[in-house]
Amino acid sequence: MKTFATINEYISEFPEEIRFKLEQIRETIQQAAPEAKEAVRYGMPTFVLNGNLVHFAAYKNHIGFYPAPSGIDAYLDELAVYRTGKGTIQFPIDQPIPFNLIKKVVEFRVNENLGKRKGKVKKE
């Protein structure tokens, strides 16, 4: 497994069409969580805010988005059209990426992670 020091390094390894989608996901996360810091954890682009916030990664047939189980549980109805598992959502590579849904999930995770500090979590 190749290791990457930055999200830029990770994204640069993919064909242009996939790079474009990964950059759009990255920008969506940055807009939803402007205080989060970028990192690479578990070999994947990661955003950190009071702990791991979300991860994402590209695969042959999908882009994986990892908002922790709580980020999935909070939006089960909207995520029903996607393959999900414990802590993972798979967005098919040949379909549009649901950026508005990613934004909502990230905002939920921000509230959740900041709630760890304050002792409460709020879902909008």
N, C-alpha and C. Protein backbone atom coordinates (compact mmCIF):
# COMPACT_ATOMS: atom_id res chain seq x y z
N MET A 1 0.85 -1.19 0.00
CA MET A 1 0.00 0.00 0.00
C MET A 1 0.88 1.24 0.00
N LYS A 2 0.64 2.10 -0.95
CA LYS A 2 1.40 3.34 -1.05
C LYS A 2 0.97 4.29 0.06
N THR A 3 1.91 5.00 0.62
CA THR A 3 1.58 5.97 1.65
C THR A 3 1.66 7.38 1.06
N PHE A 4 0.82 8.25 1.58
CA PHE A 4 0.74 9.62 1.11
C PHE A 4 0.89 10.57 2.29
N ALA A 5 1.62 11.66 2.06
CA ALA A 5 1.82 12.64 3.12
C ALA A 5 0.71 13.69 3.14
N THR A 6 0.11 13.92 1.97
CA THR A 6 -0.92 14.96 1.88
C THR A 6 -2.10 14.47 1.03
N ILE A 7 -3.20 15.18 1.15
CA ILE A 7 -4.36 14.89 0.32
C ILE A 7 -4.03 15.17 -1.14
N ASN A 8 -3.25 16.20 -1.40
CA ASN A 8 -2.86 16.49 -2.78
C ASN A 8 -2.13 15.31 -3.41
N GLU A 9 -1.21 14.72 -2.67
CA GLU A 9 -0.49 13.54 -3.17
C GLU A 9 -1.46 12.41 -3.49
N TYR A 10 -2.39 12.16 -2.58
CA TYR A 10 -3.36 11.10 -2.78
C TYR A 10 -4.17 11.33 -4.06
N ILE A 11 -4.73 12.51 -4.18
CA ILE A 11 -5.59 12.82 -5.33
C ILE A 11 -4.82 12.76 -6.65
N SER A 12 -3.55 13.16 -6.62
CA SER A 12 -2.76 13.20 -7.86
C SER A 12 -2.54 11.82 -8.49
N GLU A 13 -2.79 10.77 -7.75
CA GLU A 13 -2.58 9.41 -8.25
C GLU A 13 -3.69 8.91 -9.17
N PHE A 14 -4.78 9.65 -9.29
CA PHE A 14 -5.95 9.17 -10.01
C PHE A 14 -6.10 9.84 -11.37
N PRO A 15 -6.85 9.19 -12.28
CA PRO A 15 -7.14 9.81 -13.57
C PRO A 15 -7.93 11.11 -13.37
N GLU A 16 -7.88 11.97 -14.37
CA GLU A 16 -8.47 13.31 -14.26
C GLU A 16 -9.93 13.31 -13.81
N GLU A 17 -10.76 12.45 -14.36
CA GLU A 17 -12.18 12.42 -14.00
C GLU A 17 -12.37 12.12 -12.51
N ILE A 18 -11.58 11.20 -11.98
CA ILE A 18 -11.67 10.84 -10.55
C ILE A 18 -11.08 11.95 -9.70
N ARG A 19 -9.96 12.52 -10.15
CA ARG A 19 -9.36 13.65 -9.41
C ARG A 19 -10.37 14.78 -9.25
N PHE A 20 -11.10 15.06 -10.31
CA PHE A 20 -12.10 16.13 -10.27
C PHE A 20 -13.16 15.85 -9.20
N LYS A 21 -13.66 14.63 -9.15
CA LYS A 21 -14.67 14.27 -8.15
C LYS A 21 -14.09 14.34 -6.74
N LEU A 22 -12.87 13.86 -6.57
CA LEU A 22 -12.24 13.90 -5.25
C LEU A 22 -12.02 15.34 -4.80
N GLU A 23 -11.61 16.21 -5.71
CA GLU A 23 -11.43 17.63 -5.36
C GLU A 23 -12.76 18.27 -4.99
N GLN A 24 -13.83 17.92 -5.69
CA GLN A 24 -15.15 18.46 -5.36
C GLN A 24 -15.61 17.99 -3.97
N ILE A 25 -15.34 16.75 -3.66
CA ILE A 25 -15.68 16.24 -2.32
C ILE A 25 -14.87 16.98 -1.27
N ARG A 26 -13.59 17.15 -1.54
CA ARG A 26 -12.72 17.89 -0.62
C ARG A 26 -13.24 19.30 -0.39
N GLU A 27 -13.60 20.00 -1.45
CA GLU A 27 -14.12 21.37 -1.33
C GLU A 27 -15.44 21.40 -0.56
N THR A 28 -16.29 20.42 -0.79
CA THR A 28 -17.56 20.34 -0.07
C THR A 28 -17.31 20.18 1.42
N ILE A 29 -16.37 19.33 1.78
CA ILE A 29 -16.03 19.12 3.19
C ILE A 29 -15.44 20.40 3.78
N GLN A 30 -14.54 21.04 3.04
CA GLN A 30 -13.93 22.29 3.53
C GLN A 30 -14.97 23.37 3.79
N GLN A 31 -15.97 23.46 2.90
CA GLN A 31 -17.02 24.46 3.08
C GLN A 31 -17.90 24.13 4.28
N ALA A 32 -18.17 22.86 4.50
CA ALA A 32 -19.03 22.45 5.61
C ALA A 32 -18.29 22.46 6.95
N ALA A 33 -16.98 22.35 6.89
CA ALA A 33 -16.17 22.29 8.12
C ALA A 33 -14.90 23.12 7.94
N PRO A 34 -15.04 24.44 7.83
CA PRO A 34 -13.87 25.27 7.53
C PRO A 34 -12.77 25.23 8.60
N GLU A 35 -13.11 24.84 9.81
CA GLU A 35 -12.10 24.79 10.88
C GLU A 35 -11.37 23.45 10.93
N ALA A 36 -11.85 22.47 10.17
CA ALA A 36 -11.22 21.15 10.17
C ALA A 36 -9.86 21.21 9.48
N LYS A 37 -8.96 20.39 9.93
CA LYS A 37 -7.61 20.29 9.37
C LYS A 37 -7.53 19.06 8.47
N GLU A 38 -6.75 19.17 7.42
CA GLU A 38 -6.53 18.05 6.51
C GLU A 38 -5.43 17.15 7.04
N ALA A 39 -5.59 15.86 6.77
CA ALA A 39 -4.59 14.87 7.15
C ALA A 39 -4.76 13.65 6.25
N VAL A 40 -3.87 12.72 6.37
CA VAL A 40 -4.03 11.42 5.73
C VAL A 40 -3.96 10.40 6.85
N ARG A 41 -5.04 9.66 7.03
CA ARG A 41 -5.11 8.63 8.06
C ARG A 41 -5.63 7.35 7.42
N TYR A 42 -5.10 6.24 7.84
CA TYR A 42 -5.49 4.95 7.27
C TYR A 42 -5.31 4.95 5.75
N GLY A 43 -4.36 5.74 5.24
CA GLY A 43 -4.09 5.81 3.82
C GLY A 43 -5.13 6.60 3.03
N MET A 44 -6.01 7.32 3.72
CA MET A 44 -7.10 8.06 3.05
C MET A 44 -7.08 9.54 3.42
N PRO A 45 -7.56 10.39 2.50
CA PRO A 45 -7.77 11.79 2.87
C PRO A 45 -8.73 11.86 4.05
N THR A 46 -8.36 12.67 5.02
CA THR A 46 -9.11 12.76 6.27
C THR A 46 -9.23 14.22 6.68
N PHE A 47 -10.34 14.55 7.27
CA PHE A 47 -10.51 15.85 7.91
C PHE A 47 -10.66 15.62 9.40
N VAL A 48 -9.95 16.42 10.18
CA VAL A 48 -9.88 16.25 11.63
C VAL A 48 -10.40 17.51 12.31
N LEU A 49 -11.30 17.31 13.26
CA LEU A 49 -11.82 18.40 14.08
C LEU A 49 -12.25 17.78 15.39
N ASN A 50 -11.43 17.97 16.43
CA ASN A 50 -11.71 17.32 17.72
C ASN A 50 -11.82 15.80 17.52
N GLY A 51 -10.87 15.25 16.78
CA GLY A 51 -10.87 13.83 16.41
C GLY A 51 -11.17 13.70 14.92
N ASN A 52 -11.13 12.46 14.42
CA ASN A 52 -11.44 12.24 13.01
C ASN A 52 -12.87 12.70 12.72
N LEU A 53 -13.02 13.46 11.66
CA LEU A 53 -14.32 13.96 11.26
C LEU A 53 -14.89 13.07 10.15
N VAL A 54 -14.24 13.05 9.00
CA VAL A 54 -14.63 12.18 7.88
C VAL A 54 -13.38 11.79 7.10
N HIS A 55 -13.49 10.69 6.37
CA HIS A 55 -12.47 10.23 5.45
C HIS A 55 -13.15 10.02 4.10
N PHE A 56 -12.36 10.00 3.03
CA PHE A 56 -12.89 9.59 1.73
C PHE A 56 -11.78 8.94 0.93
N ALA A 57 -12.16 8.11 -0.04
CA ALA A 57 -11.16 7.40 -0.84
C ALA A 57 -11.79 6.92 -2.13
N ALA A 58 -10.97 6.82 -3.17
CA ALA A 58 -11.46 6.35 -4.47
C ALA A 58 -11.07 4.89 -4.67
N TYR A 59 -11.98 4.16 -5.28
CA TYR A 59 -11.78 2.75 -5.62
C TYR A 59 -12.17 2.55 -7.07
N LYS A 60 -12.05 1.34 -7.54
CA LYS A 60 -12.32 1.06 -8.96
C LYS A 60 -13.74 1.46 -9.37
N ASN A 61 -14.73 1.12 -8.56
CA ASN A 61 -16.13 1.33 -8.94
C ASN A 61 -16.89 2.33 -8.09
N HIS A 62 -16.25 2.86 -7.06
CA HIS A 62 -16.96 3.79 -6.19
C HIS A 62 -15.99 4.72 -5.47
N ILE A 63 -16.58 5.75 -4.88
CA ILE A 63 -15.83 6.61 -3.95
C ILE A 63 -16.42 6.33 -2.58
N GLY A 64 -15.55 5.94 -1.67
CA GLY A 64 -15.98 5.66 -0.31
C GLY A 64 -15.95 6.93 0.51
N PHE A 65 -16.97 7.10 1.31
CA PHE A 65 -17.07 8.25 2.21
C PHE A 65 -17.32 7.67 3.59
N TYR A 66 -16.52 8.08 4.56
CA TYR A 66 -16.51 7.46 5.88
C TYR A 66 -16.80 8.50 6.97
N PRO A 67 -18.08 8.69 7.32
CA PRO A 67 -18.44 9.69 8.31
C PRO A 67 -18.69 9.10 9.71
N ALA A 68 -18.21 7.90 9.97
CA ALA A 68 -18.49 7.18 11.22
C ALA A 68 -19.94 6.68 11.19
N PRO A 69 -20.24 5.64 11.93
CA PRO A 69 -21.61 5.10 11.91
C PRO A 69 -22.69 6.13 12.22
N SER A 70 -22.41 7.06 13.12
CA SER A 70 -23.42 8.06 13.49
C SER A 70 -23.79 8.96 12.32
N GLY A 71 -22.82 9.28 11.45
CA GLY A 71 -23.10 10.11 10.29
C GLY A 71 -24.00 9.43 9.28
N ILE A 72 -23.96 8.12 9.27
CA ILE A 72 -24.84 7.34 8.39
C ILE A 72 -26.21 7.20 9.03
N ASP A 73 -26.23 6.83 10.30
CA ASP A 73 -27.49 6.62 11.01
C ASP A 73 -28.38 7.87 10.98
N ALA A 74 -27.77 9.04 11.00
CA ALA A 74 -28.53 10.29 11.03
C ALA A 74 -29.25 10.58 9.72
N TYR A 75 -28.83 9.94 8.62
CA TYR A 75 -29.41 10.22 7.30
C TYR A 75 -29.75 8.94 6.55
N LEU A 76 -30.20 7.93 7.26
CA LEU A 76 -30.50 6.64 6.65
C LEU A 76 -31.47 6.74 5.48
N ASP A 77 -32.52 7.53 5.62
CA ASP A 77 -33.50 7.65 4.54
C ASP A 77 -32.87 8.19 3.26
N GLU A 78 -32.09 9.25 3.39
CA GLU A 78 -31.47 9.85 2.21
C GLU A 78 -30.36 8.98 1.62
N LEU A 79 -29.77 8.15 2.45
CA LEU A 79 -28.68 7.28 2.00
C LEU A 79 -29.17 5.93 1.48
N ALA A 80 -30.47 5.71 1.53
CA ALA A 80 -31.03 4.40 1.17
C ALA A 80 -30.68 3.98 -0.26
N VAL A 81 -30.43 4.92 -1.15
CA VAL A 81 -30.12 4.58 -2.54
C VAL A 81 -28.66 4.19 -2.75
N TYR A 82 -27.85 4.31 -1.68
CA TYR A 82 -26.43 3.98 -1.78
C TYR A 82 -26.11 2.75 -0.93
N ARG A 83 -25.06 2.09 -1.30
CA ARG A 83 -24.58 0.97 -0.51
C ARG A 83 -23.89 1.55 0.73
N THR A 84 -24.30 1.09 1.88
CA THR A 84 -23.70 1.56 3.13
C THR A 84 -23.29 0.36 3.98
N GLY A 85 -22.43 0.63 4.92
CA GLY A 85 -22.01 -0.37 5.90
C GLY A 85 -21.69 0.38 7.17
N LYS A 86 -21.13 -0.31 8.12
CA LYS A 86 -20.80 0.34 9.39
C LYS A 86 -19.74 1.42 9.15
N GLY A 87 -20.18 2.65 9.10
CA GLY A 87 -19.26 3.77 8.95
C GLY A 87 -18.88 4.11 7.52
N THR A 88 -19.47 3.45 6.51
CA THR A 88 -19.08 3.71 5.13
C THR A 88 -20.28 3.90 4.20
N ILE A 89 -20.09 4.78 3.23
CA ILE A 89 -21.07 5.01 2.17
C ILE A 89 -20.30 4.86 0.86
N GLN A 90 -20.90 4.16 -0.09
CA GLN A 90 -20.27 4.00 -1.40
C GLN A 90 -21.06 4.77 -2.45
N PHE A 91 -20.39 5.75 -3.07
CA PHE A 91 -20.98 6.50 -4.16
C PHE A 91 -20.44 5.92 -5.47
N PRO A 92 -21.30 5.34 -6.30
CA PRO A 92 -20.83 4.75 -7.56
C PRO A 92 -20.07 5.78 -8.40
N ILE A 93 -18.96 5.35 -8.95
CA ILE A 93 -18.07 6.24 -9.69
C ILE A 93 -18.74 6.80 -10.96
N ASP A 94 -19.71 6.06 -11.49
CA ASP A 94 -20.34 6.47 -12.75
C ASP A 94 -21.65 7.25 -12.54
N GLN A 95 -21.91 7.68 -11.32
CA GLN A 95 -23.12 8.45 -11.01
C GLN A 95 -22.72 9.78 -10.37
N PRO A 96 -23.62 10.76 -10.44
CA PRO A 96 -23.31 12.05 -9.80
C PRO A 96 -23.10 11.88 -8.29
N ILE A 97 -22.18 12.64 -7.76
CA ILE A 97 -21.90 12.62 -6.32
C ILE A 97 -22.91 13.55 -5.64
N PRO A 98 -23.55 13.11 -4.55
CA PRO A 98 -24.55 13.94 -3.86
C PRO A 98 -23.89 14.94 -2.89
N PHE A 99 -23.37 16.02 -3.44
CA PHE A 99 -22.61 16.97 -2.64
C PHE A 99 -23.44 17.59 -1.52
N ASN A 100 -24.71 17.87 -1.76
CA ASN A 100 -25.54 18.45 -0.71
C ASN A 100 -25.70 17.49 0.46
N LEU A 101 -25.82 16.22 0.16
CA LEU A 101 -25.92 15.21 1.22
C LEU A 101 -24.60 15.08 1.97
N ILE A 102 -23.49 15.10 1.26
CA ILE A 102 -22.18 15.07 1.92
C ILE A 102 -22.06 16.26 2.86
N LYS A 103 -22.47 17.43 2.39
CA LYS A 103 -22.41 18.64 3.22
C LYS A 103 -23.22 18.47 4.51
N LYS A 104 -24.43 17.93 4.40
CA LYS A 104 -25.26 17.74 5.59
C LYS A 104 -24.62 16.74 6.56
N VAL A 105 -24.07 15.68 6.02
CA VAL A 105 -23.44 14.67 6.88
C VAL A 105 -22.22 15.27 7.58
N VAL A 106 -21.42 16.03 6.86
CA VAL A 106 -20.24 16.66 7.47
C VAL A 106 -20.66 17.64 8.54
N GLU A 107 -21.68 18.44 8.28
CA GLU A 107 -22.15 19.39 9.30
C GLU A 107 -22.64 18.65 10.54
N PHE A 108 -23.32 17.54 10.35
CA PHE A 108 -23.74 16.73 11.49
C PHE A 108 -22.52 16.25 12.28
N ARG A 109 -21.50 15.76 11.56
CA ARG A 109 -20.30 15.27 12.23
C ARG A 109 -19.56 16.40 12.95
N VAL A 110 -19.56 17.60 12.38
CA VAL A 110 -18.94 18.75 13.06
C VAL A 110 -19.64 18.98 14.39
N ASN A 111 -20.98 19.04 14.35
CA ASN A 111 -21.73 19.24 15.59
C ASN A 111 -21.47 18.12 16.58
N GLU A 112 -21.39 16.92 16.07
CA GLU A 112 -21.14 15.77 16.94
C GLU A 112 -19.75 15.86 17.58
N ASN A 113 -18.73 16.13 16.78
CA ASN A 113 -17.38 16.19 17.32
C ASN A 113 -17.19 17.38 18.25
N LEU A 114 -17.78 18.52 17.91
CA LEU A 114 -17.68 19.67 18.81
C LEU A 114 -18.51 19.43 20.06
N GLY A 115 -19.59 18.66 19.93
CA GLY A 115 -20.41 18.30 21.08
C GLY A 115 -19.65 17.45 22.09
N LYS A 116 -18.67 16.69 21.62
CA LYS A 116 -17.83 15.90 22.53
C LYS A 116 -17.17 16.83 23.53
N ARG A 117 -16.79 18.01 23.02
CA ARG A 117 -16.15 19.00 23.87
C ARG A 117 -17.15 19.62 24.83
N LYS A 118 -18.36 19.86 24.32
CA LYS A 118 -19.36 20.57 25.11
C LYS A 118 -20.33 19.64 25.84
N GLY A 119 -20.28 18.34 25.47
CA GLY A 119 -21.14 17.38 26.15
C GLY A 119 -22.51 17.19 25.54
N LYS A 120 -22.74 17.73 24.32
CA LYS A 120 -24.04 17.53 23.69
C LYS A 120 -23.88 17.53 22.17
N VAL A 121 -24.81 16.87 21.50
CA VAL A 121 -24.80 16.77 20.05
C VAL A 121 -26.13 17.26 19.52
N LYS A 122 -26.08 18.04 18.43
CA LYS A 122 -27.30 18.61 17.86
C LYS A 122 -27.43 18.18 16.40
N LYS A 123 -28.57 17.65 16.02
CA LYS A 123 -28.86 17.33 14.63
C LYS A 123 -29.80 18.41 14.09
N GLU A 124 -29.42 18.93 12.92
CA GLU A 124 -30.27 19.98 12.31
C GLU A 124 -31.26 19.37 11.37
